[in-house]
């Protein structure tokens, strides 16, 4: 999902004139659109599904990093112990 600056940068005035086009663009391209005002970025428009997917991906990656940190710090338990703690035996 890399930004294509030729297509994904939209002046705020264009959004005001034709918001449907911007919404359709983010939904179809699955890329966020950078809104600008006077040549500076002011906001990002992204589809809800793409936003939710990105949030889930970040949460997963944080959990992986936390798990790896636990392994490095010798904070691990056996599968049997984990099952016992969770009441799965």
N, C-alpha and C. Protein backbone atom coordinates (compact mmCIF):
# COMPACT_ATOMS: atom_id res chain seq x y z
N UNK A 1 0.84 -1.18 0.00
CA UNK A 1 0.00 0.00 0.00
C UNK A 1 0.88 1.24 0.00
N UNK A 2 1.66 1.43 -1.02
CA UNK A 2 2.50 2.61 -1.09
C UNK A 2 1.75 3.75 -1.76
N UNK A 3 2.03 4.94 -1.31
CA UNK A 3 1.36 6.13 -1.83
C UNK A 3 1.88 6.47 -3.22
N UNK A 4 0.96 6.79 -4.11
CA UNK A 4 1.32 7.29 -5.43
C UNK A 4 1.01 8.78 -5.41
N UNK A 5 2.06 9.58 -5.28
CA UNK A 5 1.85 11.01 -5.09
C UNK A 5 1.15 11.66 -6.28
N UNK A 6 1.26 11.08 -7.47
CA UNK A 6 0.56 11.65 -8.62
C UNK A 6 -0.94 11.46 -8.51
N UNK A 7 -1.39 10.50 -7.71
CA UNK A 7 -2.81 10.21 -7.60
C UNK A 7 -3.38 10.40 -6.20
N UNK A 8 -2.55 10.28 -5.18
CA UNK A 8 -3.05 10.19 -3.81
C UNK A 8 -2.91 11.46 -2.99
N UNK A 9 -2.54 12.56 -3.62
CA UNK A 9 -2.49 13.86 -2.93
C UNK A 9 -3.60 14.71 -3.52
N UNK A 10 -4.51 15.13 -2.65
CA UNK A 10 -5.70 15.86 -3.11
C UNK A 10 -5.83 17.15 -2.33
N UNK A 11 -5.93 18.28 -3.02
CA UNK A 11 -6.16 19.54 -2.31
C UNK A 11 -7.52 19.51 -1.59
N UNK A 12 -7.58 20.12 -0.45
CA UNK A 12 -8.80 20.16 0.34
C UNK A 12 -9.98 20.73 -0.45
N UNK A 13 -9.70 21.68 -1.32
CA UNK A 13 -10.77 22.26 -2.14
C UNK A 13 -11.38 21.21 -3.08
N UNK A 14 -10.55 20.27 -3.59
CA UNK A 14 -11.09 19.19 -4.44
C UNK A 14 -12.01 18.28 -3.65
N UNK A 15 -11.67 18.03 -2.39
CA UNK A 15 -12.53 17.22 -1.53
C UNK A 15 -13.87 17.91 -1.32
N UNK A 16 -13.83 19.22 -1.12
CA UNK A 16 -15.07 19.97 -0.92
C UNK A 16 -15.95 19.94 -2.16
N UNK A 17 -15.33 19.98 -3.34
CA UNK A 17 -16.09 20.00 -4.59
C UNK A 17 -16.66 18.63 -4.92
N UNK A 18 -15.86 17.57 -4.75
CA UNK A 18 -16.30 16.23 -5.14
C UNK A 18 -15.85 15.19 -4.11
N UNK A 19 -16.50 15.16 -2.94
CA UNK A 19 -16.08 14.19 -1.91
C UNK A 19 -16.30 12.74 -2.32
N UNK A 20 -17.31 12.49 -3.13
CA UNK A 20 -17.59 11.12 -3.59
C UNK A 20 -16.44 10.53 -4.37
N UNK A 21 -15.75 11.34 -5.15
CA UNK A 21 -14.62 10.86 -5.95
C UNK A 21 -13.48 10.40 -5.04
N UNK A 22 -13.23 11.16 -3.98
CA UNK A 22 -12.14 10.82 -3.05
C UNK A 22 -12.49 9.54 -2.30
N UNK A 23 -13.72 9.43 -1.84
CA UNK A 23 -14.14 8.22 -1.12
C UNK A 23 -14.05 7.00 -2.04
N UNK A 24 -14.49 7.15 -3.28
CA UNK A 24 -14.41 6.05 -4.24
C UNK A 24 -12.95 5.67 -4.50
N UNK A 25 -12.09 6.66 -4.60
CA UNK A 25 -10.67 6.42 -4.87
C UNK A 25 -10.03 5.59 -3.76
N UNK A 26 -10.27 5.96 -2.50
CA UNK A 26 -9.63 5.22 -1.40
C UNK A 26 -10.20 3.82 -1.28
N UNK A 27 -11.48 3.66 -1.59
CA UNK A 27 -12.10 2.34 -1.51
C UNK A 27 -11.58 1.41 -2.60
N UNK A 28 -11.41 1.92 -3.80
CA UNK A 28 -10.99 1.09 -4.92
C UNK A 28 -9.47 0.85 -4.94
N UNK A 29 -8.69 1.87 -4.61
CA UNK A 29 -7.23 1.76 -4.70
C UNK A 29 -6.62 1.11 -3.46
N UNK A 30 -7.35 1.11 -2.34
CA UNK A 30 -6.83 0.60 -1.08
C UNK A 30 -5.54 1.31 -0.67
N UNK A 31 -5.51 2.61 -0.95
CA UNK A 31 -4.40 3.47 -0.54
C UNK A 31 -5.00 4.72 0.10
N UNK A 32 -4.38 5.24 1.15
CA UNK A 32 -4.90 6.47 1.73
C UNK A 32 -4.64 7.67 0.83
N UNK A 33 -5.44 8.70 0.99
CA UNK A 33 -5.28 9.95 0.25
C UNK A 33 -4.84 11.02 1.23
N UNK A 34 -3.81 11.76 0.85
CA UNK A 34 -3.33 12.87 1.66
C UNK A 34 -4.04 14.14 1.22
N UNK A 35 -4.73 14.78 2.14
CA UNK A 35 -5.40 16.05 1.87
C UNK A 35 -4.45 17.18 2.19
N UNK A 36 -4.40 18.15 1.30
CA UNK A 36 -3.48 19.28 1.50
C UNK A 36 -4.24 20.59 1.52
N UNK A 37 -3.66 21.55 2.20
CA UNK A 37 -4.16 22.91 2.23
C UNK A 37 -2.96 23.82 2.09
N UNK A 38 -2.98 24.64 1.04
CA UNK A 38 -1.85 25.53 0.76
C UNK A 38 -0.53 24.77 0.63
N UNK A 39 -0.61 23.57 0.04
CA UNK A 39 0.58 22.78 -0.23
C UNK A 39 1.10 21.95 0.92
N UNK A 40 0.42 21.99 2.05
CA UNK A 40 0.87 21.21 3.22
C UNK A 40 -0.17 20.15 3.56
N UNK A 41 0.32 18.99 3.98
CA UNK A 41 -0.58 17.92 4.40
C UNK A 41 -1.35 18.31 5.64
N UNK A 42 -2.67 18.06 5.62
CA UNK A 42 -3.49 18.40 6.78
C UNK A 42 -4.29 17.22 7.32
N UNK A 43 -4.52 16.21 6.48
CA UNK A 43 -5.30 15.06 6.94
C UNK A 43 -5.11 13.90 5.96
N UNK A 44 -5.52 12.72 6.42
CA UNK A 44 -5.46 11.53 5.58
C UNK A 44 -6.85 10.91 5.55
N UNK A 45 -7.29 10.51 4.37
CA UNK A 45 -8.57 9.81 4.21
C UNK A 45 -8.25 8.37 3.84
N UNK A 46 -8.87 7.44 4.57
CA UNK A 46 -8.62 6.02 4.35
C UNK A 46 -9.93 5.28 4.52
N UNK A 47 -10.11 4.19 3.77
CA UNK A 47 -11.34 3.42 3.91
C UNK A 47 -11.38 2.76 5.28
N UNK A 48 -12.57 2.53 5.79
CA UNK A 48 -12.73 1.92 7.11
C UNK A 48 -12.12 0.52 7.12
N UNK A 49 -12.35 -0.26 6.08
CA UNK A 49 -11.82 -1.63 6.06
C UNK A 49 -10.29 -1.63 6.05
N UNK A 50 -9.68 -0.72 5.30
CA UNK A 50 -8.21 -0.64 5.29
C UNK A 50 -7.69 -0.17 6.64
N UNK A 51 -8.39 0.75 7.27
CA UNK A 51 -7.99 1.23 8.59
C UNK A 51 -8.05 0.10 9.62
N UNK A 52 -9.17 -0.64 9.62
CA UNK A 52 -9.32 -1.75 10.57
C UNK A 52 -8.25 -2.81 10.35
N UNK A 53 -7.95 -3.11 9.11
CA UNK A 53 -6.91 -4.09 8.79
C UNK A 53 -5.55 -3.63 9.32
N UNK A 54 -5.24 -2.36 9.14
CA UNK A 54 -3.96 -1.82 9.61
C UNK A 54 -3.88 -1.86 11.14
N UNK A 55 -4.98 -1.56 11.82
CA UNK A 55 -5.00 -1.60 13.28
C UNK A 55 -4.76 -3.03 13.77
N UNK A 56 -5.42 -4.00 13.15
CA UNK A 56 -5.24 -5.40 13.53
C UNK A 56 -3.81 -5.86 13.28
N UNK A 57 -3.24 -5.44 12.16
CA UNK A 57 -1.87 -5.82 11.83
C UNK A 57 -0.88 -5.25 12.85
N UNK A 58 -1.08 -3.99 13.23
CA UNK A 58 -0.19 -3.39 14.23
C UNK A 58 -0.31 -4.10 15.57
N UNK A 59 -1.54 -4.46 15.98
CA UNK A 59 -1.74 -5.16 17.24
C UNK A 59 -1.06 -6.52 17.21
N UNK A 60 -1.16 -7.22 16.10
CA UNK A 60 -0.50 -8.52 15.96
C UNK A 60 1.01 -8.37 16.06
N UNK A 61 1.56 -7.38 15.35
CA UNK A 61 3.01 -7.18 15.38
C UNK A 61 3.49 -6.80 16.77
N UNK A 62 2.71 -6.00 17.50
CA UNK A 62 3.09 -5.66 18.88
C UNK A 62 3.11 -6.91 19.75
N UNK A 63 2.13 -7.81 19.56
CA UNK A 63 2.07 -9.05 20.33
C UNK A 63 3.27 -9.94 20.00
N UNK A 64 3.66 -10.00 18.75
CA UNK A 64 4.83 -10.79 18.35
C UNK A 64 6.08 -10.23 19.01
N UNK A 65 6.26 -8.92 18.97
CA UNK A 65 7.42 -8.29 19.59
C UNK A 65 7.43 -8.55 21.10
N UNK A 66 6.27 -8.44 21.74
CA UNK A 66 6.19 -8.71 23.18
C UNK A 66 6.54 -10.17 23.47
N UNK A 67 6.08 -11.08 22.63
CA UNK A 67 6.40 -12.49 22.81
C UNK A 67 7.88 -12.76 22.66
N UNK A 68 8.50 -12.14 21.68
CA UNK A 68 9.94 -12.30 21.49
C UNK A 68 10.72 -11.73 22.67
N UNK A 69 10.25 -10.60 23.20
CA UNK A 69 10.90 -10.02 24.38
C UNK A 69 10.77 -10.94 25.57
N UNK A 70 9.61 -11.58 25.73
CA UNK A 70 9.42 -12.55 26.82
C UNK A 70 10.38 -13.72 26.68
N UNK A 71 10.57 -14.21 25.47
CA UNK A 71 11.51 -15.31 25.25
C UNK A 71 12.93 -14.91 25.61
N UNK A 72 13.34 -13.71 25.21
CA UNK A 72 14.69 -13.23 25.51
C UNK A 72 14.91 -13.04 27.01
N UNK A 73 13.84 -12.72 27.73
CA UNK A 73 13.94 -12.48 29.17
C UNK A 73 13.63 -13.75 29.97
N UNK A 74 13.59 -14.89 29.29
CA UNK A 74 13.29 -16.18 29.94
C UNK A 74 11.96 -16.17 30.67
N UNK A 75 10.99 -15.47 30.13
CA UNK A 75 9.64 -15.49 30.68
C UNK A 75 8.78 -16.37 29.81
N UNK A 76 9.02 -17.67 29.90
CA UNK A 76 8.27 -18.61 29.08
C UNK A 76 7.77 -19.75 29.96
N UNK A 77 6.73 -20.41 29.50
CA UNK A 77 6.16 -21.56 30.21
C UNK A 77 5.99 -22.70 29.22
N UNK A 78 5.93 -23.90 29.75
CA UNK A 78 5.72 -25.06 28.88
C UNK A 78 4.28 -25.08 28.39
N UNK A 79 4.03 -25.87 27.37
CA UNK A 79 2.67 -26.00 26.84
C UNK A 79 1.74 -26.57 27.90
N UNK A 80 2.22 -27.55 28.66
CA UNK A 80 1.40 -28.16 29.71
C UNK A 80 1.02 -27.12 30.77
N UNK A 81 2.00 -26.29 31.16
CA UNK A 81 1.72 -25.26 32.16
C UNK A 81 0.74 -24.22 31.63
N UNK A 82 0.89 -23.82 30.38
CA UNK A 82 -0.03 -22.86 29.77
C UNK A 82 -1.46 -23.42 29.75
N UNK A 83 -1.59 -24.68 29.35
CA UNK A 83 -2.92 -25.31 29.34
C UNK A 83 -3.52 -25.35 30.74
N UNK A 84 -2.70 -25.67 31.75
CA UNK A 84 -3.17 -25.73 33.11
C UNK A 84 -3.64 -24.35 33.59
N UNK A 85 -2.87 -23.32 33.27
CA UNK A 85 -3.25 -21.95 33.66
C UNK A 85 -4.56 -21.51 33.01
N UNK A 86 -4.77 -21.97 31.78
CA UNK A 86 -5.98 -21.59 31.04
C UNK A 86 -7.14 -22.55 31.29
N UNK A 87 -6.89 -23.58 32.07
CA UNK A 87 -7.94 -24.56 32.37
C UNK A 87 -8.33 -25.39 31.16
N UNK A 88 -7.37 -25.74 30.34
CA UNK A 88 -7.64 -26.48 29.11
C UNK A 88 -7.28 -27.96 29.20
N UNK A 89 -6.87 -28.43 30.36
CA UNK A 89 -6.45 -29.84 30.48
C UNK A 89 -7.64 -30.74 30.64
